[in-house]
């Protein structure tokens, strides 16, 4: 699936142009701790709840500057396989679990952070939108009075691009167009998507921007399920890996190669921003000591991740944290490693690593000039970009 979206077709993208270095310039406070709210304009605060197949995310932001910079005042992620499906529908248990957690986050934003109800938004990721969500949407509205807004893949990809890739970068005293040389590839649990932004000069007026996005219906968990269905549930990890290799050419490589042929920026742009839970898992397990917002990755690291996931998953899932000297950083790393173990099975890690290897081949990530980075806070990009859009447009019912 491919979309070429212009600012004329979708006004949403006019707002996205101004997101700038949104994620990387975030000022993080202690999660769940309200600020001193005296003499603060409530209209500066917005809350959002994002529902995906594997997690529910809740954040509250404060707009701190006229240029749109924001501060996160609350952030909570509930990691669990939420989308338990039967005959194309969420199970009643899954619907109730999701709705209860959404209501808890919503009430907390209302009461603890005093965010007006009309400034709290609930969105469903594209992987959730692929299911029948009618009962879930109704229950969420019953519990909160707010509407569940489902995103399509192209809108989701565009929001992620704007929220993850800094608009500019500085070399000495000169600023350069970072998005003009960068591409985003996001490997979620249910799909792989991304794209890039490109400037378009108009005969008159200000330049326009276009978002070139792509999406294929294979992500870490969906691909893992497909491999298990083909190989059987009782095979060992090496046979599972061999079956993943056999399926990846047609299911992943060919669709990605087709997209690369239509959009050369996927192959030849210098900087590649990787995001998604499987990328987070890889960086957490291979480089737990690296706490940077942007973590450099090599194509060789992807191969190393795959080989260890297949041959020695227990060692991979229990990395040494001895090099982390700061207690706070070590505690953060311990929590993330534990979260990886709770989120992915060994088979999921192998399937996700196979997708990353296939992306490397299809999009030439091992090219000499390519620079790959993991954007640590990209998991917040979608939700924050969405909230920025709503804040710029004004509260909606």
Protein backbone atom coordinates (compact mmCIF):
# COMPACT_ATOMS: atom_id res chain seq x y z
CA UNK A 1 0.00 0.00 0.00
CA UNK A 2 1.43 3.37 -0.96
CA UNK A 3 0.27 6.90 -0.46
CA UNK A 4 1.54 10.17 -1.90
CA UNK A 5 0.04 12.92 0.21
CA UNK A 6 0.26 16.63 -0.53
CA UNK A 7 -0.50 19.55 1.73
CA UNK A 8 -3.37 20.47 -0.56
CA UNK A 9 -5.01 17.08 -0.11
CA UNK A 10 -4.59 16.89 3.65
CA UNK A 11 -4.45 20.02 5.80
CA UNK A 12 -3.05 17.89 8.62
CA UNK A 13 0.38 18.03 7.00
CA UNK A 14 0.53 21.82 7.08
CA UNK A 15 0.58 21.56 10.85
CA UNK A 16 3.15 18.78 10.84
CA UNK A 17 5.71 21.03 9.16
CA UNK A 18 6.23 22.91 12.40
CA UNK A 19 6.87 19.97 14.70
CA UNK A 20 10.65 20.46 14.33
CA UNK A 21 12.79 18.63 16.82
CA UNK A 22 9.75 17.68 18.83
CA UNK A 23 10.71 14.35 20.35
CA UNK A 24 14.40 15.09 20.79
CA UNK A 25 13.77 18.40 22.56
CA UNK A 26 11.25 17.00 25.04
CA UNK A 27 11.81 17.97 28.64
CA UNK A 28 10.89 14.91 30.70
CA UNK A 29 9.67 15.33 34.26
CA UNK A 30 9.14 12.57 36.80
CA UNK A 31 6.43 10.39 35.34
CA UNK A 32 3.11 10.72 37.06
CA UNK A 33 4.16 13.70 39.19
CA UNK A 34 1.98 16.77 38.70
CA UNK A 35 3.71 20.13 38.43
CA UNK A 36 2.88 23.11 40.58
CA UNK A 37 -0.27 24.09 38.73
CA UNK A 38 -0.76 27.54 40.30
CA UNK A 39 -1.12 30.35 37.80
CA UNK A 40 -0.89 27.93 34.85
CA UNK A 41 -3.27 28.18 31.93
CA UNK A 42 -5.16 24.91 31.57
CA UNK A 43 -5.38 25.49 27.82
CA UNK A 44 -1.63 24.75 27.65
CA UNK A 45 -2.23 21.13 28.65
CA UNK A 46 -3.35 18.28 26.40
CA UNK A 47 -3.70 14.58 27.09
CA UNK A 48 -3.68 11.61 24.79
CA UNK A 49 -4.29 7.88 24.99
CA UNK A 50 -3.03 5.63 22.19
CA UNK A 51 -4.29 2.06 21.79
CA UNK A 52 -2.24 -0.43 19.78
CA UNK A 53 -2.13 -4.18 19.47
CA UNK A 54 0.56 -4.56 22.13
CA UNK A 55 0.24 -1.52 24.36
CA UNK A 56 -1.78 1.39 25.68
CA UNK A 57 0.10 4.68 26.02
CA UNK A 58 -1.01 7.71 27.95
CA UNK A 59 0.73 11.07 27.97
CA UNK A 60 0.01 14.60 29.06
CA UNK A 61 1.91 17.50 27.52
CA UNK A 62 2.31 21.18 28.28
CA UNK A 63 2.99 23.61 25.46
CA UNK A 64 5.81 25.72 26.87
CA UNK A 65 6.90 28.00 24.02
CA UNK A 66 5.25 29.91 21.15
CA UNK A 67 7.23 27.79 18.67
CA UNK A 68 5.34 24.72 19.87
CA UNK A 69 7.93 23.01 22.06
CA UNK A 70 6.34 20.77 24.64
CA UNK A 71 7.10 19.24 28.01
CA UNK A 72 5.82 15.82 28.98
CA UNK A 73 4.26 16.00 32.44
CA UNK A 74 2.94 12.44 32.47
CA UNK A 75 3.80 9.28 30.57
CA UNK A 76 2.64 5.71 31.15
CA UNK A 77 2.88 2.66 28.91
CA UNK A 78 0.96 -0.55 29.54
CA UNK A 79 2.67 -3.36 27.63
CA UNK A 80 0.51 -6.40 27.01
CA UNK A 81 -0.82 -8.34 24.06
CA UNK A 82 -4.12 -6.47 23.97
CA UNK A 83 -5.62 -7.48 20.64
CA UNK A 84 -6.86 -10.96 21.49
CA UNK A 85 -8.85 -11.84 18.42
CA UNK A 86 -11.57 -14.34 17.59
CA UNK A 87 -13.17 -14.35 14.15
CA UNK A 88 -11.80 -10.93 13.29
CA UNK A 89 -13.09 -9.31 16.48
CA UNK A 90 -11.57 -8.39 19.82
CA UNK A 91 -12.63 -10.84 22.50
CA UNK A 92 -14.99 -9.51 25.21
CA UNK A 93 -12.15 -9.90 27.73
CA UNK A 94 -9.80 -7.80 25.57
CA UNK A 95 -12.47 -5.12 25.05
CA UNK A 96 -13.10 -4.83 28.78
CA UNK A 97 -9.39 -4.79 29.65
CA UNK A 98 -8.61 -2.05 27.12
CA UNK A 99 -11.61 0.09 28.09
CA UNK A 100 -10.84 -0.15 31.81
CA UNK A 101 -7.24 0.94 31.32
CA UNK A 102 -8.28 3.77 29.01
CA UNK A 103 -10.75 4.97 31.64
CA UNK A 104 -8.07 4.83 34.35
CA UNK A 105 -5.67 6.94 32.30
CA UNK A 106 -8.45 9.34 31.32
CA UNK A 107 -9.59 9.86 34.91
CA UNK A 108 -6.02 10.44 36.03
CA UNK A 109 -5.53 13.17 33.43
CA UNK A 110 -8.78 14.80 34.48
CA UNK A 111 -8.26 14.65 38.22
CA UNK A 112 -4.53 14.64 38.88
CA UNK A 113 -3.47 16.90 36.03
CA UNK A 114 -6.71 18.88 35.67
CA UNK A 115 -6.73 18.64 31.88
CA UNK A 116 -10.07 19.70 30.39
CA UNK A 117 -12.04 16.76 29.00
CA UNK A 118 -12.23 18.34 25.55
CA UNK A 119 -8.42 18.41 25.46
CA UNK A 120 -7.99 14.66 26.04
CA UNK A 121 -7.93 12.53 22.89
CA UNK A 122 -8.17 8.77 22.43
CA UNK A 123 -6.73 7.26 19.24
CA UNK A 124 -6.48 3.76 17.85
CA UNK A 125 -3.45 2.72 15.79
CA UNK A 126 -3.89 1.31 12.32
CA UNK A 127 -3.26 -2.24 13.56
CA UNK A 128 -6.25 -1.87 15.86
CA UNK A 129 -8.33 -0.32 13.08
CA UNK A 130 -7.92 -3.50 11.04
CA UNK A 131 -10.20 -5.22 13.53
CA UNK A 132 -13.88 -4.79 14.28
CA UNK A 133 -13.69 -2.15 17.02
CA UNK A 134 -17.36 -1.16 17.24
CA UNK A 135 -17.94 -2.63 20.70
CA UNK A 136 -14.67 -1.22 22.01
CA UNK A 137 -15.45 2.26 20.70
CA UNK A 138 -18.90 2.20 22.30
CA UNK A 139 -17.57 1.05 25.68
CA UNK A 140 -14.81 3.70 25.67
CA UNK A 141 -17.37 6.41 24.95
CA UNK A 142 -19.65 5.06 27.70
CA UNK A 143 -16.80 5.20 30.21
CA UNK A 144 -15.18 8.50 29.20
CA UNK A 145 -17.58 10.44 27.03
CA UNK A 146 -14.82 10.71 24.43
CA UNK A 147 -14.68 9.32 20.92
CA UNK A 148 -12.19 6.68 19.74
CA UNK A 149 -10.44 8.06 16.65
CA UNK A 150 -8.98 5.34 14.41
CA UNK A 151 -5.97 6.26 12.25
CA UNK A 152 -5.19 4.83 8.83
CA UNK A 153 -1.70 3.63 7.96
CA UNK A 154 -0.77 6.67 5.87
CA UNK A 155 -1.80 9.21 8.51
CA UNK A 156 0.00 7.18 11.16
CA UNK A 157 3.17 7.06 9.05
CA UNK A 158 3.06 10.82 8.37
CA UNK A 159 2.59 11.64 12.06
CA UNK A 160 5.51 9.35 12.93
CA UNK A 161 7.76 10.98 10.34
CA UNK A 162 7.02 14.46 11.63
CA UNK A 163 7.40 13.45 15.25
CA UNK A 164 10.53 11.32 14.94
CA UNK A 165 12.76 13.04 12.38
CA UNK A 166 14.08 16.44 13.52
CA UNK A 167 13.29 19.09 10.92
CA UNK A 168 16.79 20.60 10.98
CA UNK A 169 20.32 19.82 12.11
CA UNK A 170 23.21 22.16 12.80
CA UNK A 171 26.79 21.92 11.56
CA UNK A 172 28.78 24.66 13.26
CA UNK A 173 26.87 27.88 12.54
CA UNK A 174 24.83 26.52 9.62
CA UNK A 175 21.44 24.86 9.74
CA UNK A 176 20.48 22.16 7.22
CA UNK A 177 17.23 20.47 6.20
CA UNK A 178 17.41 17.16 8.06
CA UNK A 179 14.11 15.77 6.79
CA UNK A 180 15.26 16.37 3.22
CA UNK A 181 17.99 13.75 3.70
CA UNK A 182 16.25 11.31 6.05
CA UNK A 183 13.78 8.45 5.96
CA UNK A 184 11.78 6.70 8.68
CA UNK A 185 11.20 2.95 8.84
CA UNK A 186 8.88 1.79 11.59
CA UNK A 187 8.48 -1.93 12.33
CA UNK A 188 5.39 -2.31 14.47
CA UNK A 189 3.89 -5.53 15.69
CA UNK A 190 1.29 -5.69 12.92
CA UNK A 191 2.87 -3.86 9.96
CA UNK A 192 5.99 -2.17 8.61
CA UNK A 193 5.61 1.41 7.45
CA UNK A 194 7.36 4.74 7.08
CA UNK A 195 8.47 7.13 4.42
CA UNK A 196 9.90 10.61 4.08
CA UNK A 197 9.10 14.26 3.63
CA UNK A 198 10.11 16.15 0.51
CA UNK A 199 9.96 19.87 -0.23
CA UNK A 200 8.11 21.05 -3.31
CA UNK A 201 8.75 24.52 -4.72
CA UNK A 202 5.61 26.28 -5.92
CA UNK A 203 5.45 29.04 -8.57
CA UNK A 204 4.17 31.45 -5.94
CA UNK A 205 3.90 31.52 -2.19
CA UNK A 206 5.68 29.42 0.39
CA UNK A 207 7.18 26.00 -0.42
CA UNK A 208 4.90 23.03 -0.01
CA UNK A 209 5.82 19.65 1.44
CA UNK A 210 4.85 16.16 0.42
CA UNK A 211 4.86 13.03 2.55
CA UNK A 212 5.72 9.83 0.69
CA UNK A 213 4.58 6.94 2.83
CA UNK A 214 4.50 3.17 2.47
CA UNK A 215 3.06 0.29 4.44
CA UNK A 216 3.08 -3.48 4.17
CA UNK A 217 0.93 -5.83 6.21
CA UNK A 218 3.76 -7.66 7.95
CA UNK A 219 5.04 -6.73 11.40
CA UNK A 220 6.87 -8.58 14.14
CA UNK A 221 3.90 -10.40 15.64
CA UNK A 222 1.87 -10.91 12.46
CA UNK A 223 4.92 -12.37 10.74
CA UNK A 224 5.72 -14.53 13.77
CA UNK A 225 2.15 -15.87 13.71
CA UNK A 226 2.42 -16.59 9.97
CA UNK A 227 5.66 -18.50 10.48
CA UNK A 228 4.18 -20.51 13.34
CA UNK A 229 1.13 -21.38 11.28
CA UNK A 230 3.35 -22.59 8.45
CA UNK A 231 5.99 -24.38 10.53
CA UNK A 232 3.81 -25.66 13.34
CA UNK A 233 3.78 -24.68 17.00
CA UNK A 234 6.05 -27.49 18.19
CA UNK A 235 9.17 -26.81 16.09
CA UNK A 236 12.45 -25.77 17.69
CA UNK A 237 13.83 -22.26 17.28
CA UNK A 238 16.25 -23.10 14.45
CA UNK A 239 13.50 -24.70 12.35
CA UNK A 240 11.32 -21.69 13.11
CA UNK A 241 14.12 -19.43 11.86
CA UNK A 242 14.52 -21.45 8.66
CA UNK A 243 10.80 -21.21 7.98
CA UNK A 244 10.93 -17.45 8.64
CA UNK A 245 13.69 -17.13 6.04
CA UNK A 246 11.66 -19.13 3.56
CA UNK A 247 8.57 -16.95 4.01
CA UNK A 248 10.28 -13.57 4.24
CA UNK A 249 11.22 -13.33 0.57
CA UNK A 250 7.65 -13.25 -0.70
CA UNK A 251 5.93 -11.81 2.38
CA UNK A 252 8.43 -9.05 3.22
CA UNK A 253 11.25 -8.60 0.69
CA UNK A 254 9.20 -8.44 -2.49
CA UNK A 255 6.66 -5.89 -1.15
CA UNK A 256 9.46 -3.72 0.27
CA UNK A 257 11.47 -3.93 -2.95
CA UNK A 258 8.39 -2.86 -4.87
CA UNK A 259 8.00 0.18 -2.62
CA UNK A 260 11.69 1.02 -3.00
CA UNK A 261 11.27 1.00 -6.76
CA UNK A 262 8.47 3.55 -6.50
CA UNK A 263 10.15 5.72 -3.88
CA UNK A 264 13.94 5.96 -4.37
CA UNK A 265 14.33 7.99 -1.16
CA UNK A 266 13.82 4.76 0.77
CA UNK A 267 17.06 3.49 -0.72
CA UNK A 268 19.28 6.51 -1.31
CA UNK A 269 18.62 8.96 1.51
CA UNK A 270 21.62 9.20 3.81
CA UNK A 271 19.99 9.00 7.26
CA UNK A 272 17.67 6.18 8.28
CA UNK A 273 15.63 6.50 11.47
CA UNK A 274 14.53 3.08 12.70
CA UNK A 275 11.66 2.76 15.15
CA UNK A 276 9.25 0.17 16.44
CA UNK A 277 9.18 -2.27 19.34
CA UNK A 278 11.52 -4.79 17.72
CA UNK A 279 14.15 -2.08 17.15
CA UNK A 280 13.73 -0.96 20.74
CA UNK A 281 14.17 -4.59 21.84
CA UNK A 282 17.32 -4.99 19.75
CA UNK A 283 18.97 -1.83 21.10
CA UNK A 284 17.91 -2.59 24.67
CA UNK A 285 19.41 -6.09 24.55
CA UNK A 286 22.57 -5.29 22.56
CA UNK A 287 23.38 -1.86 24.01
CA UNK A 288 21.65 -1.53 27.40
CA UNK A 289 24.30 0.96 28.53
CA UNK A 290 23.56 3.41 25.69
CA UNK A 291 20.86 5.75 26.99
CA UNK A 292 21.14 8.38 24.24
CA UNK A 293 18.06 9.78 22.52
CA UNK A 294 19.58 8.69 19.21
CA UNK A 295 21.54 5.42 19.24
CA UNK A 296 23.78 4.65 16.22
CA UNK A 297 23.16 1.24 14.62
CA UNK A 298 25.10 -0.68 11.98
CA UNK A 299 23.76 -3.27 9.61
CA UNK A 300 26.18 -5.67 11.33
CA UNK A 301 24.29 -5.11 14.61
CA UNK A 302 21.10 -6.32 12.97
CA UNK A 303 22.87 -9.51 11.85
CA UNK A 304 24.31 -9.97 15.34
CA UNK A 305 20.85 -9.57 16.85
CA UNK A 306 19.43 -12.17 14.49
CA UNK A 307 22.25 -14.70 15.08
CA UNK A 308 21.98 -14.41 18.85
CA UNK A 309 18.17 -14.60 18.79
CA UNK A 310 18.45 -17.91 16.91
CA UNK A 311 21.50 -19.51 18.56
CA UNK A 312 21.53 -18.19 22.14
CA UNK A 313 18.27 -16.39 23.04
CA UNK A 314 18.73 -16.80 26.80
CA UNK A 315 22.05 -14.95 26.73
CA UNK A 316 20.53 -12.27 24.49
CA UNK A 317 17.59 -11.78 26.86
CA UNK A 318 19.86 -11.41 29.89
CA UNK A 319 22.53 -8.86 28.94
CA UNK A 320 25.16 -7.72 31.40
CA UNK A 321 24.49 -4.32 32.95
CA UNK A 322 27.84 -4.11 34.74
CA UNK A 323 29.08 -1.25 32.56
CA UNK A 324 26.21 1.02 33.63
CA UNK A 325 27.66 3.02 36.52
CA UNK A 326 24.82 5.41 37.30
CA UNK A 327 22.21 3.76 39.50
CA UNK A 328 19.29 5.56 37.84
CA UNK A 329 20.44 4.52 34.37
CA UNK A 330 20.94 0.92 35.52
CA UNK A 331 17.43 0.79 36.98
CA UNK A 332 16.01 2.17 33.72
CA UNK A 333 17.95 -0.45 31.73
CA UNK A 334 16.78 -3.26 34.04
CA UNK A 335 13.17 -2.19 33.57
CA UNK A 336 13.52 -2.04 29.80
CA UNK A 337 15.19 -5.46 29.58
CA UNK A 338 12.41 -6.92 31.71
CA UNK A 339 9.83 -5.20 29.50
CA UNK A 340 11.39 -6.80 26.41
CA UNK A 341 11.15 -10.25 28.02
CA UNK A 342 7.50 -9.61 28.90
CA UNK A 343 6.62 -8.28 25.44
CA UNK A 344 8.23 -10.74 23.02
CA UNK A 345 8.54 -14.50 22.87
CA UNK A 346 11.76 -16.00 21.51
CA UNK A 347 9.94 -16.73 18.28
CA UNK A 348 8.80 -13.10 18.04
CA UNK A 349 12.41 -11.93 18.40
CA UNK A 350 13.53 -14.23 15.59
CA UNK A 351 10.65 -13.12 13.36
CA UNK A 352 11.33 -9.44 14.07
CA UNK A 353 15.05 -9.88 13.47
CA UNK A 354 14.28 -11.56 10.15
CA UNK A 355 12.17 -8.56 9.13
CA UNK A 356 15.05 -6.20 10.04
CA UNK A 357 17.48 -8.29 7.99
CA UNK A 358 15.07 -8.22 5.07
CA UNK A 359 14.68 -4.45 5.35
CA UNK A 360 18.47 -4.17 5.25
CA UNK A 361 18.53 -6.02 1.92
CA UNK A 362 15.51 -4.34 0.37
CA UNK A 363 16.47 -0.77 1.32
CA UNK A 364 20.26 -1.12 1.12
CA UNK A 365 20.88 -0.24 4.77
CA UNK A 366 24.39 -1.66 4.57
CA UNK A 367 25.39 0.90 1.95
CA UNK A 368 28.58 2.80 2.72
CA UNK A 369 26.92 6.21 2.90
CA UNK A 370 23.92 5.20 4.98
CA UNK A 371 23.68 6.31 8.59
CA UNK A 372 21.25 4.34 10.78
CA UNK A 373 19.93 5.50 14.15
CA UNK A 374 17.38 4.26 16.63
CA UNK A 375 15.15 7.11 17.84
CA UNK A 376 14.60 6.18 21.49
CA UNK A 377 11.54 8.35 22.05
CA UNK A 378 9.94 7.48 18.72
CA UNK A 379 7.41 5.37 20.59
CA UNK A 380 5.85 8.69 21.65
CA UNK A 381 6.04 10.33 18.21
CA UNK A 382 2.61 9.35 16.97
CA UNK A 383 0.70 10.43 20.05
CA UNK A 384 2.58 13.69 20.58
CA UNK A 385 2.30 14.65 16.91
CA UNK A 386 -1.43 14.00 17.10
CA UNK A 387 -1.77 16.13 20.23
CA UNK A 388 0.22 18.95 18.62
CA UNK A 389 -2.15 18.86 15.67
CA UNK A 390 -5.17 19.09 17.96
CA UNK A 391 -3.58 21.88 20.00
CA UNK A 392 -2.91 23.92 16.88
CA UNK A 393 -6.46 23.40 15.61
CA UNK A 394 -8.10 24.00 18.97
CA UNK A 395 -10.05 21.56 21.15
CA UNK A 396 -12.64 19.45 19.39
CA UNK A 397 -15.60 17.64 20.88
